[in-house]
Amino acid sequence: MLNKLFFSLLFVSCQALLNPVYAISNTFDLHLQVYPNEDQFQIIADYKVALSPCQASAYLKDYEGARSLPGIKESKIISRSGNQVKVERVVEDRIMLIPITMRSVVQYKELSEQIIDFEQISGDAKLYKGSWRIEPEGEGTRFQFRANVEISSIVPQIVVEYFIKNQMTKRFEAMAENATQRLAQKQLGCK
């Protein structure tokens, strides 16, 4: 019975993945695309929040504030030197019914107020590297995320892809909502 349930869920997951590009539009004009490339995935996402560029930059640089996002159990700065910040993170989630815990140390390079590059320097993923960019747009700011990810896992790639699409969508929506709430509470340190 359990095998039948697993293969039914796997079949539904596979059907949802026939198109390699996945896009969503909602309150935050969120768009997400995930492109598989052998064992890696390229993730391209963007969303808009009614923040000034200063507020958006302050929000992205609040590395420890990530603890308030779904699945992120720990996020703490372990060193800061000039424009480089090392952050230790623990993510707990589920792929289907399988609980996973991923640990990482990510180095962020704050190249400007609008650009932050990042790369995992140690951790459970084989590769996690990308960038955040912010751009003013109308009465708000567009957050742009680009990353390449390769996860060490015995879970089939198609299931990992489904997980990435769904969990990243939830995290980006939560980030946009969290930034909006912090703006309402004036906790972003900008005018």
N, C-alpha and C. Protein backbone atom coordinates (compact mmCIF):
# COMPACT_ATOMS: atom_id res chain seq x y z
N MET A 1 0.82 -1.19 0.00
CA MET A 1 0.00 0.00 0.00
C MET A 1 0.87 1.26 0.00
N LEU A 2 1.92 1.28 0.84
CA LEU A 2 2.82 2.43 0.91
C LEU A 2 3.54 2.63 -0.42
N ASN A 3 3.96 1.52 -1.06
CA ASN A 3 4.62 1.62 -2.37
C ASN A 3 3.67 2.22 -3.39
N LYS A 4 2.41 1.81 -3.35
CA LYS A 4 1.42 2.33 -4.30
C LYS A 4 1.23 3.83 -4.10
N LEU A 5 1.17 4.29 -2.84
CA LEU A 5 1.04 5.71 -2.54
C LEU A 5 2.26 6.47 -3.03
N PHE A 6 3.45 5.95 -2.76
CA PHE A 6 4.69 6.61 -3.19
C PHE A 6 4.72 6.77 -4.70
N PHE A 7 4.42 5.70 -5.44
CA PHE A 7 4.48 5.78 -6.90
C PHE A 7 3.36 6.66 -7.46
N SER A 8 2.22 6.71 -6.79
CA SER A 8 1.16 7.63 -7.22
C SER A 8 1.61 9.08 -7.05
N LEU A 9 2.22 9.40 -5.90
CA LEU A 9 2.73 10.75 -5.68
C LEU A 9 3.85 11.07 -6.67
N LEU A 10 4.72 10.12 -6.93
CA LEU A 10 5.80 10.31 -7.89
C LEU A 10 5.23 10.57 -9.28
N PHE A 11 4.19 9.83 -9.67
CA PHE A 11 3.57 10.01 -10.98
C PHE A 11 2.97 11.41 -11.10
N VAL A 12 2.26 11.87 -10.07
CA VAL A 12 1.68 13.21 -10.08
C VAL A 12 2.79 14.25 -10.16
N SER A 13 3.88 14.03 -9.42
CA SER A 13 5.01 14.96 -9.47
C SER A 13 5.60 15.01 -10.87
N CYS A 14 5.74 13.87 -11.50
CA CYS A 14 6.32 13.81 -12.85
C CYS A 14 5.42 14.53 -13.84
N GLN A 15 4.11 14.35 -13.73
CA GLN A 15 3.19 15.02 -14.63
C GLN A 15 3.29 16.54 -14.50
N ALA A 16 3.50 17.01 -13.28
CA ALA A 16 3.61 18.46 -13.05
C ALA A 16 4.90 19.03 -13.60
N LEU A 17 5.86 18.18 -13.93
CA LEU A 17 7.18 18.64 -14.36
C LEU A 17 7.44 18.50 -15.85
N LEU A 18 6.43 18.20 -16.63
CA LEU A 18 6.66 18.01 -18.05
C LEU A 18 7.22 19.25 -18.71
N ASN A 19 6.88 20.42 -18.24
CA ASN A 19 7.41 21.67 -18.77
C ASN A 19 8.55 22.12 -17.86
N PRO A 20 9.78 22.29 -18.37
CA PRO A 20 10.91 22.63 -17.51
C PRO A 20 10.87 24.05 -16.96
N VAL A 21 10.00 24.90 -17.48
CA VAL A 21 9.90 26.27 -17.00
C VAL A 21 8.62 26.39 -16.17
N TYR A 22 8.75 26.97 -15.01
CA TYR A 22 7.65 27.07 -14.07
C TYR A 22 7.51 28.53 -13.69
N ALA A 23 6.41 29.15 -13.95
CA ALA A 23 6.23 30.57 -13.64
C ALA A 23 4.96 30.77 -12.83
N ILE A 24 5.02 31.72 -11.93
CA ILE A 24 3.90 32.02 -11.06
C ILE A 24 3.72 33.53 -11.05
N SER A 25 2.50 33.98 -11.01
CA SER A 25 2.25 35.40 -10.86
C SER A 25 1.22 35.57 -9.75
N ASN A 26 1.46 36.52 -8.85
CA ASN A 26 0.55 36.73 -7.73
C ASN A 26 0.66 38.16 -7.24
N THR A 27 0.31 38.39 -6.00
CA THR A 27 0.34 39.72 -5.41
C THR A 27 1.70 40.39 -5.57
N PHE A 28 2.76 39.65 -5.47
CA PHE A 28 4.12 40.20 -5.54
C PHE A 28 4.72 40.06 -6.94
N ASP A 29 3.89 39.73 -7.92
CA ASP A 29 4.36 39.54 -9.29
C ASP A 29 5.57 38.61 -9.31
N LEU A 30 5.42 37.49 -8.62
CA LEU A 30 6.49 36.50 -8.48
C LEU A 30 6.57 35.63 -9.74
N HIS A 31 7.79 35.48 -10.23
CA HIS A 31 8.06 34.59 -11.35
C HIS A 31 9.20 33.67 -10.94
N LEU A 32 9.06 32.39 -11.21
CA LEU A 32 10.09 31.41 -10.86
C LEU A 32 10.25 30.45 -12.01
N GLN A 33 11.49 30.24 -12.41
CA GLN A 33 11.81 29.24 -13.42
C GLN A 33 12.91 28.35 -12.86
N VAL A 34 12.77 27.06 -13.09
CA VAL A 34 13.78 26.08 -12.67
C VAL A 34 14.15 25.29 -13.91
N TYR A 35 15.43 25.30 -14.25
CA TYR A 35 15.93 24.58 -15.42
C TYR A 35 16.88 23.48 -14.97
N PRO A 36 16.51 22.21 -15.20
CA PRO A 36 17.44 21.13 -14.87
C PRO A 36 18.55 21.07 -15.92
N ASN A 37 19.77 20.77 -15.46
CA ASN A 37 20.92 20.62 -16.34
C ASN A 37 21.80 19.54 -15.73
N GLU A 38 21.62 18.32 -16.20
CA GLU A 38 22.28 17.13 -15.64
C GLU A 38 21.95 17.05 -14.15
N ASP A 39 22.94 17.12 -13.26
CA ASP A 39 22.67 17.00 -11.82
C ASP A 39 22.40 18.35 -11.15
N GLN A 40 22.49 19.43 -11.91
CA GLN A 40 22.30 20.77 -11.36
C GLN A 40 20.97 21.36 -11.80
N PHE A 41 20.58 22.39 -11.06
CA PHE A 41 19.40 23.16 -11.40
C PHE A 41 19.78 24.63 -11.42
N GLN A 42 19.32 25.33 -12.45
CA GLN A 42 19.46 26.77 -12.48
C GLN A 42 18.11 27.34 -12.05
N ILE A 43 18.13 28.24 -11.08
CA ILE A 43 16.92 28.84 -10.55
C ILE A 43 16.96 30.33 -10.87
N ILE A 44 15.91 30.82 -11.50
CA ILE A 44 15.78 32.24 -11.82
C ILE A 44 14.44 32.69 -11.27
N ALA A 45 14.48 33.71 -10.41
CA ALA A 45 13.24 34.19 -9.80
C ALA A 45 13.30 35.70 -9.64
N ASP A 46 12.13 36.29 -9.62
CA ASP A 46 12.04 37.71 -9.29
C ASP A 46 10.65 37.99 -8.72
N TYR A 47 10.58 39.01 -7.88
CA TYR A 47 9.32 39.45 -7.33
C TYR A 47 9.44 40.91 -6.95
N LYS A 48 8.30 41.58 -6.81
CA LYS A 48 8.28 43.01 -6.52
C LYS A 48 7.62 43.26 -5.17
N VAL A 49 8.24 44.16 -4.39
CA VAL A 49 7.71 44.54 -3.09
C VAL A 49 7.72 46.07 -3.01
N ALA A 50 6.76 46.63 -2.32
CA ALA A 50 6.64 48.08 -2.19
C ALA A 50 7.65 48.62 -1.17
N LEU A 51 8.93 48.41 -1.46
CA LEU A 51 10.02 48.92 -0.63
C LEU A 51 10.86 49.86 -1.47
N SER A 52 11.53 50.80 -0.82
CA SER A 52 12.51 51.62 -1.52
C SER A 52 13.75 50.75 -1.74
N PRO A 53 14.64 51.13 -2.65
CA PRO A 53 15.88 50.36 -2.83
C PRO A 53 16.69 50.25 -1.53
N CYS A 54 16.71 51.32 -0.73
CA CYS A 54 17.42 51.28 0.55
C CYS A 54 16.82 50.22 1.47
N GLN A 55 15.50 50.19 1.55
CA GLN A 55 14.82 49.20 2.40
C GLN A 55 15.05 47.78 1.88
N ALA A 56 15.01 47.61 0.56
CA ALA A 56 15.23 46.29 -0.03
C ALA A 56 16.64 45.80 0.27
N SER A 57 17.61 46.70 0.15
CA SER A 57 19.00 46.34 0.45
C SER A 57 19.16 45.95 1.92
N ALA A 58 18.57 46.74 2.82
CA ALA A 58 18.64 46.44 4.25
C ALA A 58 17.99 45.09 4.55
N TYR A 59 16.88 44.80 3.87
CA TYR A 59 16.19 43.53 4.08
C TYR A 59 17.07 42.35 3.67
N LEU A 60 17.69 42.44 2.49
CA LEU A 60 18.54 41.34 2.02
C LEU A 60 19.76 41.13 2.91
N LYS A 61 20.26 42.20 3.50
CA LYS A 61 21.47 42.10 4.33
C LYS A 61 21.17 41.70 5.77
N ASP A 62 19.90 41.50 6.10
CA ASP A 62 19.53 41.02 7.44
C ASP A 62 19.58 39.49 7.41
N TYR A 63 20.79 38.95 7.38
CA TYR A 63 21.00 37.51 7.21
C TYR A 63 20.39 36.70 8.35
N GLU A 64 20.44 37.22 9.56
CA GLU A 64 19.89 36.48 10.70
C GLU A 64 18.37 36.52 10.72
N GLY A 65 17.78 37.50 10.07
CA GLY A 65 16.33 37.60 9.98
C GLY A 65 15.70 36.50 9.15
N ALA A 66 16.53 35.77 8.38
CA ALA A 66 16.03 34.66 7.56
C ALA A 66 15.39 33.56 8.40
N ARG A 67 15.69 33.54 9.71
CA ARG A 67 15.09 32.52 10.59
C ARG A 67 13.57 32.57 10.59
N SER A 68 13.00 33.71 10.20
CA SER A 68 11.54 33.83 10.20
C SER A 68 10.91 33.22 8.95
N LEU A 69 11.71 32.72 8.03
CA LEU A 69 11.19 32.14 6.79
C LEU A 69 10.91 30.65 6.96
N PRO A 70 9.94 30.12 6.23
CA PRO A 70 9.60 28.69 6.35
C PRO A 70 10.81 27.80 6.06
N GLY A 71 11.02 26.82 6.92
CA GLY A 71 12.06 25.83 6.71
C GLY A 71 13.44 26.22 7.20
N ILE A 72 13.68 27.50 7.46
CA ILE A 72 15.00 27.93 7.92
C ILE A 72 14.99 27.92 9.45
N LYS A 73 15.69 26.97 10.02
CA LYS A 73 15.70 26.79 11.48
C LYS A 73 16.78 27.61 12.15
N GLU A 74 17.87 27.88 11.43
CA GLU A 74 18.97 28.63 12.01
C GLU A 74 19.63 29.45 10.90
N SER A 75 19.99 30.68 11.23
CA SER A 75 20.70 31.54 10.30
C SER A 75 21.47 32.54 11.15
N LYS A 76 22.79 32.36 11.21
CA LYS A 76 23.57 33.27 12.05
C LYS A 76 24.87 33.66 11.35
N ILE A 77 25.22 34.91 11.55
CA ILE A 77 26.47 35.43 11.00
C ILE A 77 27.61 34.86 11.84
N ILE A 78 28.58 34.23 11.16
CA ILE A 78 29.73 33.69 11.90
C ILE A 78 30.99 34.54 11.70
N SER A 79 30.99 35.39 10.65
CA SER A 79 32.08 36.35 10.50
C SER A 79 31.67 37.43 9.51
N ARG A 80 32.31 38.58 9.68
CA ARG A 80 32.09 39.71 8.78
C ARG A 80 33.44 40.39 8.62
N SER A 81 33.85 40.59 7.36
CA SER A 81 35.11 41.26 7.06
C SER A 81 34.91 42.09 5.79
N GLY A 82 34.92 43.41 5.97
CA GLY A 82 34.69 44.29 4.82
C GLY A 82 33.31 44.04 4.24
N ASN A 83 33.29 43.72 2.94
CA ASN A 83 32.01 43.47 2.27
C ASN A 83 31.64 41.99 2.22
N GLN A 84 32.36 41.15 2.98
CA GLN A 84 32.09 39.71 2.97
C GLN A 84 31.52 39.26 4.31
N VAL A 85 30.44 38.47 4.21
CA VAL A 85 29.75 37.99 5.39
C VAL A 85 29.56 36.48 5.26
N LYS A 86 29.99 35.73 6.27
CA LYS A 86 29.76 34.28 6.29
C LYS A 86 28.59 33.99 7.21
N VAL A 87 27.65 33.21 6.67
CA VAL A 87 26.41 32.90 7.39
C VAL A 87 26.25 31.39 7.46
N GLU A 88 26.01 30.90 8.67
CA GLU A 88 25.73 29.48 8.88
C GLU A 88 24.22 29.29 8.91
N ARG A 89 23.74 28.32 8.11
CA ARG A 89 22.29 28.08 8.03
C ARG A 89 21.98 26.61 8.21
N VAL A 90 20.82 26.37 8.81
CA VAL A 90 20.25 25.03 8.90
C VAL A 90 18.84 25.11 8.34
N VAL A 91 18.57 24.28 7.34
CA VAL A 91 17.26 24.22 6.71
C VAL A 91 16.67 22.85 7.00
N GLU A 92 15.44 22.83 7.48
CA GLU A 92 14.72 21.58 7.71
C GLU A 92 13.46 21.60 6.87
N ASP A 93 13.25 20.53 6.13
CA ASP A 93 12.09 20.47 5.26
C ASP A 93 11.74 19.01 5.00
N ARG A 94 10.87 18.78 4.04
CA ARG A 94 10.48 17.43 3.64
C ARG A 94 10.45 17.36 2.13
N ILE A 95 10.96 16.28 1.59
CA ILE A 95 10.76 15.95 0.19
C ILE A 95 9.78 14.79 0.22
N MET A 96 8.57 15.09 -0.19
CA MET A 96 7.43 14.18 -0.05
C MET A 96 7.29 13.86 1.43
N LEU A 97 7.50 12.65 1.86
CA LEU A 97 7.36 12.31 3.27
C LEU A 97 8.70 12.16 3.96
N ILE A 98 9.77 12.43 3.24
CA ILE A 98 11.12 12.22 3.76
C ILE A 98 11.64 13.51 4.38
N PRO A 99 11.91 13.52 5.71
CA PRO A 99 12.46 14.73 6.32
C PRO A 99 13.92 14.91 5.91
N ILE A 100 14.30 16.17 5.64
CA ILE A 100 15.69 16.45 5.31
C ILE A 100 16.18 17.61 6.16
N THR A 101 17.44 17.59 6.50
CA THR A 101 18.11 18.69 7.18
C THR A 101 19.36 18.99 6.38
N MET A 102 19.52 20.25 5.99
CA MET A 102 20.69 20.66 5.23
C MET A 102 21.39 21.78 5.99
N ARG A 103 22.68 21.60 6.15
CA ARG A 103 23.51 22.61 6.82
C ARG A 103 24.43 23.23 5.78
N SER A 104 24.73 24.51 5.97
CA SER A 104 25.65 25.15 5.05
C SER A 104 26.29 26.38 5.69
N VAL A 105 27.43 26.74 5.15
CA VAL A 105 28.05 28.03 5.42
C VAL A 105 28.13 28.71 4.06
N VAL A 106 27.49 29.87 3.97
CA VAL A 106 27.43 30.61 2.72
C VAL A 106 28.17 31.93 2.91
N GLN A 107 29.02 32.23 1.93
CA GLN A 107 29.72 33.52 1.96
C GLN A 107 29.01 34.48 1.02
N TYR A 108 28.60 35.60 1.58
CA TYR A 108 27.95 36.66 0.81
C TYR A 108 28.96 37.76 0.54
N LYS A 109 28.97 38.28 -0.68
CA LYS A 109 29.81 39.41 -1.05
C LYS A 109 28.89 40.56 -1.44
N GLU A 110 28.87 41.58 -0.60
CA GLU A 110 28.02 42.74 -0.83
C GLU A 110 28.76 43.67 -1.79
N LEU A 111 28.54 43.47 -3.09
CA LEU A 111 29.29 44.20 -4.11
C LEU A 111 28.85 45.66 -4.22
N SER A 112 27.58 45.92 -3.93
CA SER A 112 27.05 47.28 -3.92
C SER A 112 25.74 47.23 -3.15
N GLU A 113 25.04 48.36 -3.10
CA GLU A 113 23.73 48.37 -2.44
C GLU A 113 22.70 47.57 -3.24
N GLN A 114 22.98 47.32 -4.52
CA GLN A 114 22.03 46.61 -5.38
C GLN A 114 22.44 45.18 -5.71
N ILE A 115 23.66 44.76 -5.40
CA ILE A 115 24.15 43.44 -5.83
C ILE A 115 24.82 42.71 -4.67
N ILE A 116 24.35 41.48 -4.43
CA ILE A 116 24.97 40.59 -3.45
C ILE A 116 25.20 39.25 -4.13
N ASP A 117 26.45 38.83 -4.20
CA ASP A 117 26.77 37.49 -4.71
C ASP A 117 26.92 36.56 -3.52
N PHE A 118 26.66 35.27 -3.73
CA PHE A 118 26.81 34.30 -2.65
C PHE A 118 27.32 32.97 -3.19
N GLU A 119 27.98 32.23 -2.29
CA GLU A 119 28.47 30.90 -2.64
C GLU A 119 28.62 30.08 -1.37
N GLN A 120 28.11 28.85 -1.42
CA GLN A 120 28.31 27.93 -0.30
C GLN A 120 29.78 27.56 -0.25
N ILE A 121 30.40 27.72 0.93
CA ILE A 121 31.81 27.34 1.07
C ILE A 121 31.96 26.02 1.82
N SER A 122 30.91 25.60 2.49
CA SER A 122 30.86 24.25 3.06
C SER A 122 29.40 23.92 3.32
N GLY A 123 29.10 22.62 3.28
CA GLY A 123 27.73 22.24 3.55
C GLY A 123 27.31 20.98 2.84
N ASP A 124 26.02 20.71 2.94
CA ASP A 124 25.46 19.46 2.45
C ASP A 124 25.16 19.46 0.95
N ALA A 125 24.97 20.62 0.36
CA ALA A 125 24.76 20.67 -1.09
C ALA A 125 26.12 20.55 -1.78
N LYS A 126 26.12 19.97 -2.97
CA LYS A 126 27.36 19.92 -3.74
C LYS A 126 27.70 21.30 -4.28
N LEU A 127 26.67 22.08 -4.61
CA LEU A 127 26.87 23.42 -5.18
C LEU A 127 25.69 24.30 -4.82
N TYR A 128 25.96 25.50 -4.38
CA TYR A 128 24.94 26.52 -4.18
C TYR A 128 25.65 27.86 -4.38
N LYS A 129 25.34 28.52 -5.49
CA LYS A 129 26.06 29.73 -5.87
C LYS A 129 25.13 30.61 -6.70
N GLY A 130 25.18 31.93 -6.45
CA GLY A 130 24.32 32.80 -7.23
C GLY A 130 24.43 34.24 -6.81
N SER A 131 23.33 34.98 -7.05
CA SER A 131 23.33 36.41 -6.73
C SER A 131 21.92 36.92 -6.48
N TRP A 132 21.87 38.00 -5.75
CA TRP A 132 20.67 38.81 -5.55
C TRP A 132 20.94 40.16 -6.20
N ARG A 133 19.95 40.69 -6.89
CA ARG A 133 20.02 42.03 -7.45
C ARG A 133 18.70 42.71 -7.13
N ILE A 134 18.76 44.01 -6.86
CA ILE A 134 17.54 44.77 -6.65
C ILE A 134 17.54 45.95 -7.62
N GLU A 135 16.34 46.25 -8.12
CA GLU A 135 16.18 47.37 -9.05
C GLU A 135 14.89 48.10 -8.73
N PRO A 136 14.95 49.44 -8.69
CA PRO A 136 13.72 50.20 -8.49
C PRO A 136 12.76 49.92 -9.64
N GLU A 137 11.48 49.81 -9.30
CA GLU A 137 10.46 49.59 -10.33
C GLU A 137 9.16 50.23 -9.86
N GLY A 138 8.78 51.31 -10.52
CA GLY A 138 7.56 52.01 -10.14
C GLY A 138 7.62 52.47 -8.70
N GLU A 139 6.62 52.10 -7.92
CA GLU A 139 6.54 52.49 -6.51
C GLU A 139 7.19 51.45 -5.59
N GLY A 140 8.01 50.57 -6.14
CA GLY A 140 8.63 49.54 -5.32
C GLY A 140 9.99 49.14 -5.85
N THR A 141 10.39 47.94 -5.48
CA THR A 141 11.69 47.41 -5.88
C THR A 141 11.51 45.96 -6.31
N ARG A 142 12.16 45.59 -7.38
CA ARG A 142 12.14 44.21 -7.87
C ARG A 142 13.38 43.49 -7.34
N PHE A 143 13.14 42.38 -6.64
CA PHE A 143 14.21 41.50 -6.17
C PHE A 143 14.44 40.46 -7.26
N GLN A 144 15.70 40.25 -7.65
CA GLN A 144 16.04 39.26 -8.67
C GLN A 144 17.02 38.27 -8.07
N PHE A 145 16.70 37.00 -8.19
CA PHE A 145 17.51 35.91 -7.63
C PHE A 145 17.95 35.00 -8.76
N ARG A 146 19.21 34.66 -8.79
CA ARG A 146 19.77 33.69 -9.74
C ARG A 146 20.67 32.75 -8.96
N ALA A 147 20.52 31.46 -9.20
CA ALA A 147 21.37 30.50 -8.49
C ALA A 147 21.53 29.22 -9.28
N ASN A 148 22.64 28.55 -9.04
CA ASN A 148 22.87 27.20 -9.51
C ASN A 148 22.98 26.32 -8.28
N VAL A 149 22.26 25.21 -8.31
CA VAL A 149 22.17 24.32 -7.15
C VAL A 149 22.39 22.89 -7.59
N GLU A 150 23.17 22.16 -6.80
CA GLU A 150 23.29 20.71 -6.97
C GLU A 150 23.21 20.10 -5.58
N ILE A 151 22.20 19.26 -5.39
CA ILE A 151 21.95 18.67 -4.08
C ILE A 151 22.48 17.25 -4.04
N SER A 152 23.19 16.91 -2.97
CA SER A 152 23.64 15.54 -2.74
C SER A 152 22.44 14.78 -2.20
N SER A 153 21.94 13.84 -2.96
CA SER A 153 20.72 13.17 -2.52
C SER A 153 20.53 11.83 -3.23
N ILE A 154 19.92 10.91 -2.53
CA ILE A 154 19.54 9.65 -3.15
C ILE A 154 18.14 9.75 -3.76
N VAL A 155 17.49 10.90 -3.53
CA VAL A 155 16.15 11.13 -4.06
C VAL A 155 16.27 11.40 -5.57
N PRO A 156 15.39 10.82 -6.39
CA PRO A 156 15.47 11.04 -7.84
C PRO A 156 15.40 12.52 -8.20
N GLN A 157 16.13 12.92 -9.25
CA GLN A 157 16.22 14.32 -9.67
C GLN A 157 14.85 14.95 -9.93
N ILE A 158 13.93 14.21 -10.51
CA ILE A 158 12.62 14.77 -10.83
C ILE A 158 11.86 15.14 -9.56
N VAL A 159 12.06 14.38 -8.50
CA VAL A 159 11.43 14.69 -7.22
C VAL A 159 12.12 15.91 -6.59
N VAL A 160 13.46 15.99 -6.72
CA VAL A 160 14.19 17.14 -6.21
C VAL A 160 13.73 18.41 -6.93
N GLU A 161 13.54 18.32 -8.25
CA GLU A 161 13.08 19.47 -9.02
C GLU A 161 11.71 19.94 -8.55
N TYR A 162 10.81 19.00 -8.33
CA TYR A 162 9.47 19.34 -7.83
C TYR A 162 9.58 20.04 -6.48
N PHE A 163 10.42 19.50 -5.61
CA PHE A 163 10.65 20.08 -4.29
C PHE A 163 11.18 21.51 -4.42
N ILE A 164 12.19 21.71 -5.26
CA ILE A 164 12.78 23.04 -5.43
C ILE A 164 11.72 24.03 -5.89
N LYS A 165 10.95 23.66 -6.89
CA LYS A 165 9.94 24.57 -7.41
C LYS A 165 8.93 24.96 -6.34
N ASN A 166 8.44 24.00 -5.61
CA ASN A 166 7.42 24.29 -4.61
C ASN A 166 7.97 25.00 -3.39
N GLN A 167 9.11 24.56 -2.87
CA GLN A 167 9.66 25.18 -1.67
C GLN A 167 10.20 26.58 -1.97
N MET A 168 10.84 26.77 -3.10
CA MET A 168 11.36 28.10 -3.44
C MET A 168 10.21 29.08 -3.63
N THR A 169 9.13 28.64 -4.25
CA THR A 169 7.96 29.52 -4.40
C THR A 169 7.47 29.96 -3.03
N LYS A 170 7.34 29.02 -2.11
CA LYS A 170 6.88 29.36 -0.76
C LYS A 170 7.85 30.31 -0.06
N ARG A 171 9.15 30.08 -0.22
CA ARG A 171 10.14 30.94 0.45
C ARG A 171 10.13 32.35 -0.13
N PHE A 172 10.05 32.47 -1.45
CA PHE A 172 10.03 33.81 -2.05
C PHE A 172 8.76 34.55 -1.65
N GLU A 173 7.62 33.86 -1.64
CA GLU A 173 6.38 34.49 -1.19
C GLU A 173 6.50 34.94 0.26
N ALA A 174 7.11 34.09 1.09
CA ALA A 174 7.29 34.44 2.51
C ALA A 174 8.25 35.62 2.66
N MET A 175 9.31 35.66 1.85
CA MET A 175 10.24 36.79 1.90
C MET A 175 9.52 38.09 1.55
N ALA A 176 8.74 38.07 0.48
CA ALA A 176 8.02 39.27 0.06
C ALA A 176 7.03 39.72 1.14
N GLU A 177 6.31 38.77 1.71
CA GLU A 177 5.35 39.09 2.77
C GLU A 177 6.07 39.62 4.00
N ASN A 178 7.15 38.98 4.38
CA ASN A 178 7.93 39.39 5.55
C ASN A 178 8.49 40.80 5.36
N ALA A 179 9.02 41.10 4.18
CA ALA A 179 9.55 42.44 3.90
C ALA A 179 8.44 43.48 3.99
N THR A 180 7.26 43.15 3.48
CA THR A 180 6.12 44.07 3.53
C THR A 180 5.70 44.33 4.97
N GLN A 181 5.67 43.28 5.79
CA GLN A 181 5.31 43.44 7.20
C GLN A 181 6.34 44.27 7.95
N ARG A 182 7.62 44.04 7.66
CA ARG A 182 8.66 44.81 8.33
C ARG A 182 8.61 46.28 7.93
N LEU A 183 8.23 46.54 6.67
CA LEU A 183 8.07 47.93 6.24
C LEU A 183 6.94 48.58 7.03
N ALA A 184 5.84 47.87 7.18
CA ALA A 184 4.70 48.39 7.93
C ALA A 184 5.09 48.69 9.37
N GLN A 185 6.02 47.90 9.91
CA GLN A 185 6.48 48.10 11.28
C GLN A 185 7.70 49.04 11.36
N LYS A 186 8.14 49.53 10.20
CA LYS A 186 9.27 50.48 10.11
C LYS A 186 10.56 49.91 10.71
N GLN A 187 10.85 48.63 10.44
CA GLN A 187 12.04 47.99 10.99
C GLN A 187 13.16 47.84 9.96
N LEU A 188 13.16 48.64 8.91
CA LEU A 188 14.15 48.47 7.86
C LEU A 188 15.20 49.59 7.84
N GLY A 189 15.11 50.54 8.75
CA GLY A 189 16.16 51.53 8.92
C GLY A 189 16.33 52.54 7.80
N CYS A 190 15.36 52.74 6.96
CA CYS A 190 15.45 53.72 5.86
C CYS A 190 14.24 54.64 5.94
N LYS A 191 14.33 55.76 5.25
CA LYS A 191 13.21 56.69 5.18
C LYS A 191 12.27 56.33 4.09
